[in-house]
C-alpha atoms as a PDB file:
ATOM      1  CA  UNK A   1       9.768 -21.398 -30.374  1.00  0.00           C
ATOM      2  CA  UNK A   2       7.326 -23.089 -28.027  1.00  0.00           C
ATOM      3  CA  UNK A   3       7.241 -21.109 -24.798  1.00  0.00           C
ATOM      4  CA  UNK A   4       4.548 -23.000 -22.921  1.00  0.00           C
ATOM      5  CA  UNK A   5       5.995 -26.154 -21.415  1.00  0.00           C
ATOM      6  CA  UNK A   6       3.622 -28.852 -20.159  1.00  0.00           C
ATOM      7  CA  UNK A   7       4.720 -29.388 -16.579  1.00  0.00           C
ATOM      8  CA  UNK A   8       4.011 -32.544 -14.582  1.00  0.00           C
ATOM      9  CA  UNK A   9       2.203 -32.378 -11.256  1.00  0.00           C
ATOM     10  CA  UNK A  10       1.112 -28.754 -11.668  1.00  0.00           C
ATOM     11  CA  UNK A  11      -0.629 -28.635  -8.301  1.00  0.00           C
ATOM     12  CA  UNK A  12       2.581 -29.623  -6.576  1.00  0.00           C
ATOM     13  CA  UNK A  13       4.541 -27.052  -8.549  1.00  0.00           C
ATOM     14  CA  UNK A  14       2.090 -24.299  -7.641  1.00  0.00           C
ATOM     15  CA  UNK A  15       2.352 -25.268  -3.978  1.00  0.00           C
ATOM     16  CA  UNK A  16       6.124 -25.105  -4.177  1.00  0.00           C
ATOM     17  CA  UNK A  17       6.078 -21.690  -5.851  1.00  0.00           C
ATOM     18  CA  UNK A  18       3.622 -20.420  -3.254  1.00  0.00           C
ATOM     19  CA  UNK A  19       5.970 -21.584  -0.503  1.00  0.00           C
ATOM     20  CA  UNK A  20       8.827 -19.680  -2.125  1.00  0.00           C
ATOM     21  CA  UNK A  21       6.929 -16.416  -2.489  1.00  0.00           C
ATOM     22  CA  UNK A  22       5.290 -16.460   0.938  1.00  0.00           C
ATOM     23  CA  UNK A  23       8.669 -16.919   2.639  1.00  0.00           C
ATOM     24  CA  UNK A  24      10.620 -14.015   4.098  1.00  0.00           C
ATOM     25  CA  UNK A  25       9.063 -10.554   4.360  1.00  0.00           C
ATOM     26  CA  UNK A  26       8.484  -9.089   0.916  1.00  0.00           C
ATOM     27  CA  UNK A  27       6.966  -5.921   2.330  1.00  0.00           C
ATOM     28  CA  UNK A  28      10.164  -5.087   4.195  1.00  0.00           C
ATOM     29  CA  UNK A  29      12.280  -6.249   1.263  1.00  0.00           C
ATOM     30  CA  UNK A  30      10.428  -4.117  -1.306  1.00  0.00           C
ATOM     31  CA  UNK A  31      10.715  -0.853   0.632  1.00  0.00           C
ATOM     32  CA  UNK A  32      14.264  -0.460  -0.681  1.00  0.00           C
ATOM     33  CA  UNK A  33      12.961  -0.790  -4.238  1.00  0.00           C
ATOM     34  CA  UNK A  34      10.258   1.870  -4.186  1.00  0.00           C
ATOM     35  CA  UNK A  35      12.297   4.392  -6.194  1.00  0.00           C
ATOM     36  CA  UNK A  36      12.556   2.088  -9.197  1.00  0.00           C
ATOM     37  CA  UNK A  37       8.878   1.174  -8.903  1.00  0.00           C
ATOM     38  CA  UNK A  38       7.932   4.849  -9.046  1.00  0.00           C
ATOM     39  CA  UNK A  39      10.100   5.465 -12.113  1.00  0.00           C
ATOM     40  CA  UNK A  40       8.473   2.558 -13.948  1.00  0.00           C
ATOM     41  CA  UNK A  41       4.974   3.622 -12.884  1.00  0.00           C
ATOM     42  CA  UNK A  42       5.431   7.241 -13.926  1.00  0.00           C
ATOM     43  CA  UNK A  43       6.586   6.304 -17.423  1.00  0.00           C
ATOM     44  CA  UNK A  44       3.251   4.534 -17.969  1.00  0.00           C
ATOM     45  CA  UNK A  45       1.437   7.903 -17.675  1.00  0.00           C
ATOM     46  CA  UNK A  46      -1.781   6.400 -16.336  1.00  0.00           C
ATOM     47  CA  UNK A  47      -4.768   8.743 -16.331  1.00  0.00           C
ATOM     48  CA  UNK A  48      -6.767   9.207 -13.092  1.00  0.00           C
ATOM     49  CA  UNK A  49      -9.929   7.125 -13.142  1.00  0.00           C
ATOM     50  CA  UNK A  50      -8.363   4.361 -15.212  1.00  0.00           C
ATOM     51  CA  UNK A  51      -9.042   0.776 -14.153  1.00  0.00           C
ATOM     52  CA  UNK A  52      -5.677  -0.794 -13.349  1.00  0.00           C
ATOM     53  CA  UNK A  53      -4.805  -4.415 -12.597  1.00  0.00           C
ATOM     54  CA  UNK A  54      -1.458  -5.087 -10.895  1.00  0.00           C
ATOM     55  CA  UNK A  55      -0.475  -8.722 -11.511  1.00  0.00           C
ATOM     56  CA  UNK A  56       1.943 -10.065  -8.913  1.00  0.00           C
ATOM     57  CA  UNK A  57       1.325  -7.034  -6.723  1.00  0.00           C
ATOM     58  CA  UNK A  58       3.273  -8.244  -3.687  1.00  0.00           C
ATOM     59  CA  UNK A  59       2.501  -6.007  -0.729  1.00  0.00           C
ATOM     60  CA  UNK A  60       1.157  -3.214  -2.943  1.00  0.00           C
ATOM     61  CA  UNK A  61       4.346  -1.439  -3.943  1.00  0.00           C
ATOM     62  CA  UNK A  62       3.116  -0.122  -7.302  1.00  0.00           C
ATOM     63  CA  UNK A  63      -0.633  -0.457  -6.756  1.00  0.00           C
ATOM     64  CA  UNK A  64      -0.623   1.997  -3.870  1.00  0.00           C
ATOM     65  CA  UNK A  65       1.252   4.590  -5.938  1.00  0.00           C
ATOM     66  CA  UNK A  66      -1.490   4.383  -8.554  1.00  0.00           C
ATOM     67  CA  UNK A  67      -4.305   4.486  -6.001  1.00  0.00           C
ATOM     68  CA  UNK A  68      -2.915   7.701  -4.517  1.00  0.00           C
ATOM     69  CA  UNK A  69      -3.132   9.234  -8.010  1.00  0.00           C
ATOM     70  CA  UNK A  70      -6.845   8.489  -8.302  1.00  0.00           C
ATOM     71  CA  UNK A  71      -6.506   5.312 -10.351  1.00  0.00           C
ATOM     72  CA  UNK A  72      -9.063   2.537  -9.728  1.00  0.00           C
ATOM     73  CA  UNK A  73      -6.716  -0.204  -8.553  1.00  0.00           C
ATOM     74  CA  UNK A  74      -6.995  -3.978  -8.225  1.00  0.00           C
ATOM     75  CA  UNK A  75      -3.969  -6.003  -7.189  1.00  0.00           C
ATOM     76  CA  UNK A  76      -3.575  -9.790  -7.349  1.00  0.00           C
ATOM     77  CA  UNK A  77      -0.877 -12.139  -6.085  1.00  0.00           C
ATOM     78  CA  UNK A  78      -0.556 -15.865  -5.352  1.00  0.00           C
ATOM     79  CA  UNK A  79       0.852 -15.130  -1.870  1.00  0.00           C
ATOM     80  CA  UNK A  80      -2.034 -14.639   0.557  1.00  0.00           C
ATOM     81  CA  UNK A  81       0.176 -13.065   3.228  1.00  0.00           C
ATOM     82  CA  UNK A  82       1.291 -10.291   0.881  1.00  0.00           C
ATOM     83  CA  UNK A  83      -2.270  -9.667  -0.287  1.00  0.00           C
ATOM     84  CA  UNK A  84      -3.242  -9.229   3.367  1.00  0.00           C
ATOM     85  CA  UNK A  85      -0.317  -6.872   3.868  1.00  0.00           C
ATOM     86  CA  UNK A  86      -1.296  -4.828   0.793  1.00  0.00           C
ATOM     87  CA  UNK A  87      -4.831  -4.520   2.138  1.00  0.00           C
ATOM     88  CA  UNK A  88      -3.479  -3.366   5.500  1.00  0.00           C
ATOM     89  CA  UNK A  89      -1.212  -0.796   3.837  1.00  0.00           C
ATOM     90  CA  UNK A  90      -4.112   0.567   1.788  1.00  0.00           C
ATOM     91  CA  UNK A  91      -6.190   1.022   4.935  1.00  0.00           C
ATOM     92  CA  UNK A  92      -3.301   2.603   6.830  1.00  0.00           C
ATOM     93  CA  UNK A  93      -2.501   4.990   3.986  1.00  0.00           C
ATOM     94  CA  UNK A  94      -6.159   5.880   3.441  1.00  0.00           C
ATOM     95  CA  UNK A  95      -6.351   4.880  -0.226  1.00  0.00           C
ATOM     96  CA  UNK A  96      -9.039   3.004  -2.103  1.00  0.00           C
ATOM     97  CA  UNK A  97      -7.561  -0.161  -3.597  1.00  0.00           C
ATOM     98  CA  UNK A  98      -8.687  -3.772  -3.584  1.00  0.00           C
ATOM     99  CA  UNK A  99      -6.451  -6.806  -3.407  1.00  0.00           C
ATOM    100  CA  UNK A 100      -7.166 -10.499  -3.802  1.00  0.00           C
ATOM    101  CA  UNK A 101      -5.385 -13.826  -4.085  1.00  0.00           C
ATOM    102  CA  UNK A 102      -5.281 -14.916  -7.727  1.00  0.00           C
ATOM    103  CA  UNK A 103      -3.083 -16.691 -10.247  1.00  0.00           C
ATOM    104  CA  UNK A 104      -1.601 -14.830 -13.233  1.00  0.00           C
ATOM    105  CA  UNK A 105      -2.335 -17.913 -15.351  1.00  0.00           C
ATOM    106  CA  UNK A 106      -6.085 -17.780 -14.622  1.00  0.00           C
ATOM    107  CA  UNK A 107      -7.172 -14.251 -13.717  1.00  0.00           C
ATOM    108  CA  UNK A 108     -10.669 -14.162 -12.138  1.00  0.00           C
ATOM    109  CA  UNK A 109     -11.986 -11.277 -14.248  1.00  0.00           C
ATOM    110  CA  UNK A 110     -14.143 -10.837 -17.314  1.00  0.00           C
ATOM    111  CA  UNK A 111     -12.563 -10.018 -20.665  1.00  0.00           C
ATOM    112  CA  UNK A 112     -11.659  -6.355 -21.201  1.00  0.00           C
ATOM    113  CA  UNK A 113     -12.110  -5.498 -17.509  1.00  0.00           C
ATOM    114  CA  UNK A 114      -9.118  -3.151 -17.186  1.00  0.00           C
ATOM    115  CA  UNK A 115      -7.685  -0.164 -19.038  1.00  0.00           C
ATOM    116  CA  UNK A 116      -4.162  -0.820 -17.763  1.00  0.00           C
ATOM    117  CA  UNK A 117      -2.439  -4.097 -16.861  1.00  0.00           C
ATOM    118  CA  UNK A 118       0.892  -3.832 -15.056  1.00  0.00           C
ATOM    119  CA  UNK A 119       3.335  -6.354 -13.659  1.00  0.00           C
ATOM    120  CA  UNK A 120       6.472  -5.140 -11.924  1.00  0.00           C
ATOM    121  CA  UNK A 121       8.804  -8.148 -11.582  1.00  0.00           C
ATOM    122  CA  UNK A 122       5.790 -10.369 -10.896  1.00  0.00           C
ATOM    123  CA  UNK A 123       4.043 -12.286 -13.674  1.00  0.00           C
ATOM    124  CA  UNK A 124       7.430 -13.281 -15.101  1.00  0.00           C
ATOM    125  CA  UNK A 125       7.718 -15.951 -12.381  1.00  0.00           C
ATOM    126  CA  UNK A 126       4.557 -17.894 -13.289  1.00  0.00           C
ATOM    127  CA  UNK A 127       5.470 -21.337 -14.687  1.00  0.00           C
ATOM    128  CA  UNK A 128       3.366 -21.256 -17.883  1.00  0.00           C
ATOM    129  CA  UNK A 129       4.192 -18.006 -19.697  1.00  0.00           C
ATOM    130  CA  UNK A 130       1.872 -18.537 -22.646  1.00  0.00           C
ATOM    131  CA  UNK A 131      -1.089 -18.718 -20.261  1.00  0.00           C
ATOM    132  CA  UNK A 132       0.109 -15.532 -18.579  1.00  0.00           C
ATOM    133  CA  UNK A 133       0.377 -13.715 -21.897  1.00  0.00           C
ATOM    134  CA  UNK A 134      -3.094 -14.909 -22.927  1.00  0.00           C
ATOM    135  CA  UNK A 135      -4.594 -13.694 -19.647  1.00  0.00           C
ATOM    136  CA  UNK A 136      -2.891 -10.289 -19.728  1.00  0.00           C
ATOM    137  CA  UNK A 137      -4.276  -9.727 -23.222  1.00  0.00           C
ATOM    138  CA  UNK A 138      -7.728 -11.106 -22.381  1.00  0.00           C
ATOM    139  CA  UNK A 139      -8.488  -8.826 -19.435  1.00  0.00           C
ATOM    140  CA  UNK A 140      -7.148  -5.666 -21.119  1.00  0.00           C
ATOM    141  CA  UNK A 141      -9.535  -3.381 -22.997  1.00  0.00           C
ATOM    142  CA  UNK A 142      -8.858  -2.725 -26.696  1.00  0.00           C
ATOM    143  CA  UNK A 143      -6.612   0.329 -26.793  1.00  0.00           C
ATOM    144  CA  UNK A 144      -5.535  -0.307 -23.211  1.00  0.00           C
ATOM    145  CA  UNK A 145      -1.961  -0.509 -21.945  1.00  0.00           C
ATOM    146  CA  UNK A 146       0.014  -3.559 -20.859  1.00  0.00           C
ATOM    147  CA  UNK A 147       3.182  -2.703 -18.958  1.00  0.00           C
ATOM    148  CA  UNK A 148       5.756  -5.120 -17.565  1.00  0.00           C
ATOM    149  CA  UNK A 149       9.195  -4.869 -15.986  1.00  0.00           C
ATOM    150  CA  UNK A 150      11.126  -8.147 -16.284  1.00  0.00           C
ATOM    151  CA  UNK A 151      14.670  -8.986 -15.221  1.00  0.00           C
ATOM    152  CA  UNK A 152      17.042  -9.837 -18.077  1.00  0.00           C
ATOM    153  CA  UNK A 153      19.295 -12.885 -18.105  1.00  0.00           C
ATOM    154  CA  UNK A 154      22.340 -10.719 -18.789  1.00  0.00           C
ATOM    155  CA  UNK A 155      21.769  -8.239 -15.959  1.00  0.00           C
ATOM    156  CA  UNK A 156      22.838  -8.386 -12.336  1.00  0.00           C
ATOM    157  CA  UNK A 157      19.627  -9.987 -11.061  1.00  0.00           C
ATOM    158  CA  UNK A 158      19.738 -12.570 -13.848  1.00  0.00           C
ATOM    159  CA  UNK A 159      23.230 -13.495 -12.675  1.00  0.00           C
ATOM    160  CA  UNK A 160      22.068 -13.655  -9.066  1.00  0.00           C
ATOM    161  CA  UNK A 161      19.237 -16.005 -10.037  1.00  0.00           C
ATOM    162  CA  UNK A 162      21.771 -18.375 -11.592  1.00  0.00           C
ATOM    163  CA  UNK A 163      23.247 -18.830  -8.136  1.00  0.00           C
ATOM    164  CA  UNK A 164      19.878 -19.290  -6.449  1.00  0.00           C
ATOM    165  CA  UNK A 165      17.656 -21.038  -9.010  1.00  0.00           C
ATOM    166  CA  UNK A 166      19.638 -24.287  -9.040  1.00  0.00           C
ATOM    167  CA  UNK A 167      18.450 -24.868  -5.477  1.00  0.00           C
ATOM    168  CA  UNK A 168      14.788 -23.894  -5.936  1.00  0.00           C
ATOM    169  CA  UNK A 169      14.002 -23.820  -9.677  1.00  0.00           C
ATOM    170  CA  UNK A 170      11.446 -26.520 -10.583  1.00  0.00           C
ATOM    171  CA  UNK A 171      12.650 -28.921 -13.275  1.00  0.00           C
ATOM    172  CA  UNK A 172      11.180 -28.231 -16.702  1.00  0.00           C
ATOM    173  CA  UNK A 173       9.883 -24.760 -15.861  1.00  0.00           C
ATOM    174  CA  UNK A 174      10.831 -22.120 -18.464  1.00  0.00           C
ATOM    175  CA  UNK A 175      13.354 -19.620 -17.127  1.00  0.00           C
ATOM    176  CA  UNK A 176      11.569 -16.524 -15.774  1.00  0.00           C
ATOM    177  CA  UNK A 177      14.241 -14.273 -17.317  1.00  0.00           C
ATOM    178  CA  UNK A 178      13.038 -15.251 -20.795  1.00  0.00           C
ATOM    179  CA  UNK A 179      10.482 -12.490 -20.143  1.00  0.00           C
ATOM    180  CA  UNK A 180      13.506 -10.164 -20.277  1.00  0.00           C
ATOM    181  CA  UNK A 181      14.294 -11.178 -23.860  1.00  0.00           C
ATOM    182  CA  UNK A 182      12.871  -8.960 -26.601  1.00  0.00           C
ATOM    183  CA  UNK A 183      12.215 -11.721 -29.136  1.00  0.00           C
ATOM    184  CA  UNK A 184      10.450 -13.873 -26.549  1.00  0.00           C
ATOM    185  CA  UNK A 185       8.172 -11.027 -25.440  1.00  0.00           C
ATOM    186  CA  UNK A 186       7.382 -10.235 -29.071  1.00  0.00           C
ATOM    187  CA  UNK A 187       6.397 -13.867 -29.629  1.00  0.00           C
ATOM    188  CA  UNK A 188       4.285 -14.113 -26.479  1.00  0.00           C
ATOM    189  CA  UNK A 189       2.425 -10.796 -26.670  1.00  0.00           C
ATOM    190  CA  UNK A 190       3.030  -9.273 -30.080  1.00  0.00           C
ATOM    191  CA  UNK A 191       0.046 -10.644 -31.997  1.00  0.00           C
ATOM    192  CA  UNK A 192      -2.368  -9.183 -29.453  1.00  0.00           C
ATOM    193  CA  UNK A 193      -0.887  -5.689 -29.507  1.00  0.00           C
ATOM    194  CA  UNK A 194      -1.074  -2.824 -31.977  1.00  0.00           C
ATOM    195  CA  UNK A 195       2.209  -1.365 -30.718  1.00  0.00           C
ATOM    196  CA  UNK A 196       4.976  -2.783 -28.536  1.00  0.00           C
ATOM    197  CA  UNK A 197       7.879  -0.785 -27.114  1.00  0.00           C
ATOM    198  CA  UNK A 198      10.750  -2.668 -25.497  1.00  0.00           C
ATOM    199  CA  UNK A 199      13.443  -0.774 -23.598  1.00  0.00           C
ATOM    200  CA  UNK A 200      16.260  -2.056 -21.400  1.00  0.00           C
ATOM    201  CA  UNK A 201      16.513  -0.024 -18.223  1.00  0.00           C
ATOM    202  CA  UNK A 202      18.392  -0.116 -14.927  1.00  0.00           C
ATOM    203  CA  UNK A 203      16.767  -0.690 -11.526  1.00  0.00           C
ATOM    204  CA  UNK A 204      18.597   0.833  -8.581  1.00  0.00           C
ATOM    205  CA  UNK A 205      19.349  -1.304  -5.538  1.00  0.00           C
ATOM    206  CA  UNK A 206      20.640   0.961  -2.790  1.00  0.00           C
ATOM    207  CA  UNK A 207      21.318  -0.129   0.793  1.00  0.00           C
ATOM    208  CA  UNK A 208      22.959   1.726   3.716  1.00  0.00           C
ATOM    209  CA  UNK A 209      24.994  -1.360   4.586  1.00  0.00           C
ATOM    210  CA  UNK A 210      27.788  -3.368   2.880  1.00  0.00           C
ATOM    211  CA  UNK A 211      27.341  -6.263   0.403  1.00  0.00           C
ATOM    212  CA  UNK A 212      27.725  -8.990   3.048  1.00  0.00           C
ATOM    213  CA  UNK A 213      24.780  -7.522   4.962  1.00  0.00           C
ATOM    214  CA  UNK A 214      22.789  -7.200   1.735  1.00  0.00           C
ATOM    215  CA  UNK A 215      23.161 -10.950   1.202  1.00  0.00           C
ATOM    216  CA  UNK A 216      21.911 -11.548   4.734  1.00  0.00           C
ATOM    217  CA  UNK A 217      19.029  -9.132   4.107  1.00  0.00           C
ATOM    218  CA  UNK A 218      18.036 -11.150   1.019  1.00  0.00           C
ATOM    219  CA  UNK A 219      18.375 -14.399   2.974  1.00  0.00           C
ATOM    220  CA  UNK A 220      15.997 -13.161   5.639  1.00  0.00           C
ATOM    221  CA  UNK A 221      13.402 -11.323   3.601  1.00  0.00           C
ATOM    222  CA  UNK A 222      13.432 -12.310  -0.101  1.00  0.00           C
ATOM    223  CA  UNK A 223      11.511 -15.533  -0.683  1.00  0.00           C
ATOM    224  CA  UNK A 224      13.677 -17.216  -3.359  1.00  0.00           C
ATOM    225  CA  UNK A 225      16.932 -16.490  -1.510  1.00  0.00           C
ATOM    226  CA  UNK A 226      15.360 -17.466   1.802  1.00  0.00           C
ATOM    227  CA  UNK A 227      14.262 -20.851   0.432  1.00  0.00           C
ATOM    228  CA  UNK A 228      17.566 -21.450  -1.368  1.00  0.00           C
ATOM    229  CA  UNK A 229      19.497 -21.100   1.886  1.00  0.00           C
ATOM    230  CA  UNK A 230      16.928 -23.212   3.754  1.00  0.00           C
ATOM    231  CA  UNK A 231      17.429 -26.065   1.274  1.00  0.00           C
ATOM    232  CA  UNK A 232      21.158 -26.350   2.038  1.00  0.00           C
ATOM    233  CA  UNK A 233      23.270 -27.744   4.844  1.00  0.00           C
ATOM    234  CA  UNK A 234      25.782 -25.525   6.667  1.00  0.00           C
ATOM    235  CA  UNK A 235      28.553 -26.111   4.135  1.00  0.00           C
ATOM    236  CA  UNK A 236      26.229 -25.403   1.203  1.00  0.00           C
ATOM    237  CA  UNK A 237      24.926 -22.249   2.849  1.00  0.00           C
ATOM    238  CA  UNK A 238      28.459 -20.990   3.385  1.00  0.00           C
ATOM    239  CA  UNK A 239      29.296 -21.644  -0.270  1.00  0.00           C
ATOM    240  CA  UNK A 240      26.162 -19.871  -1.522  1.00  0.00           C
ATOM    241  CA  UNK A 241      26.838 -16.939   0.789  1.00  0.00           C
ATOM    242  CA  UNK A 242      30.385 -16.579  -0.542  1.00  0.00           C
ATOM    243  CA  UNK A 243      29.156 -16.648  -4.140  1.00  0.00           C
ATOM    244  CA  UNK A 244      26.467 -14.033  -3.520  1.00  0.00           C
ATOM    245  CA  UNK A 245      28.756 -11.772  -1.508  1.00  0.00           C
ATOM    246  CA  UNK A 246      31.326 -11.903  -4.314  1.00  0.00           C
ATOM    247  CA  UNK A 247      28.657 -11.017  -6.890  1.00  0.00           C
ATOM    248  CA  UNK A 248      27.315  -8.061  -4.904  1.00  0.00           C
ATOM    249  CA  UNK A 249      30.830  -6.825  -4.140  1.00  0.00           C
ATOM    250  CA  UNK A 250      31.915  -7.030  -7.792  1.00  0.00           C
ATOM    251  CA  UNK A 251      28.944  -4.919  -8.910  1.00  0.00           C
ATOM    252  CA  UNK A 252      28.900  -2.479  -5.995  1.00  0.00           C
ATOM    253  CA  UNK A 253      29.351   1.130  -7.101  1.00  0.00           C
ATOM    254  CA  UNK A 254      29.364   2.577  -3.588  1.00  0.00           C
ATOM    255  CA  UNK A 255      31.952   2.534  -0.811  1.00  0.00           C
ATOM    256  CA  UNK A 256      32.748  -0.358   1.480  1.00  0.00           C
ATOM    257  CA  UNK A 257      30.099   0.578   4.045  1.00  0.00           C
ATOM    258  CA  UNK A 258      27.087   0.743   1.708  1.00  0.00           C
ATOM    259  CA  UNK A 259      25.852  -0.896  -1.479  1.00  0.00           C
ATOM    260  CA  UNK A 260      24.692   0.495  -4.817  1.00  0.00           C
ATOM    261  CA  UNK A 261      24.022  -1.949  -7.639  1.00  0.00           C
ATOM    262  CA  UNK A 262      22.039  -1.580 -10.860  1.00  0.00           C
ATOM    263  CA  UNK A 263      19.930  -4.467 -12.139  1.00  0.00           C
ATOM    264  CA  UNK A 264      18.948  -4.511 -15.798  1.00  0.00           C
ATOM    265  CA  UNK A 265      15.314  -5.141 -16.702  1.00  0.00           C
ATOM    266  CA  UNK A 266      13.270  -5.092 -19.878  1.00  0.00           C
ATOM    267  CA  UNK A 267      10.499  -2.509 -19.842  1.00  0.00           C
ATOM    268  CA  UNK A 268       7.535  -3.744 -21.860  1.00  0.00           C
ATOM    269  CA  UNK A 269       4.842  -1.241 -22.861  1.00  0.00           C
ATOM    270  CA  UNK A 270       2.227  -2.358 -25.339  1.00  0.00           C
ATOM    271  CA  UNK A 271      -1.162  -1.175 -26.600  1.00  0.00           C
ATOM    272  CA  UNK A 272      -3.899  -3.812 -26.855  1.00  0.00           C
ATOM    273  CA  UNK A 273      -5.126  -4.282 -30.412  1.00  0.00           C
END
């Protein structure tokens, strides 16, 4: 399988992706996902003093957890507004962490610069996955850990993306949820790792409001959903809203006044050869 597709007009594609991820308010959006981030982080068992790189760090959700544990943290993201927000959160919370704007396909670090590389639902969205895999392996020290959490195509979020991606997904770009497929991850990373553990897990989405309000919350604050709605006329928006409300309602495990949904992801934990 060839996983790196040559995409036309890469600069334009990068600009479009940046527009998607800078939209909304990811900091506000991610606060409801902190429990799942902590569970993923704790399973990595990162030793204090380790040098950690968080790729696709958003507003610092996972990076700040690590910094509070005495880990030497660097976070990178393509969205400058979320990097600024992560820096502000680090200052406000009194932790030592650095953040910078950078692309997962061309990380601005020397080889073997970090003991731990993590990406929580981040690097999976870069358009050239083979470059991402090469960079994750390059900047990790031999014997270091590479950890990823990637949505699966079969899970709830994969289904939600089917509704949204047709309005914003660039033509020819490999599906991000291929990073949630075990065979694909093995092909992309396996040769650079001495061990690779792949486990399907569930990420909890829990909101104190009903599914219809969750859809509106995503429309306001989650970049891909925000841009999908913005690309449609009133009739199209109403149709997309109905589809998303039906999906959230069908998967809701809570009562009518609140929402609890589990989204499947592939946990990737490998040791650099």
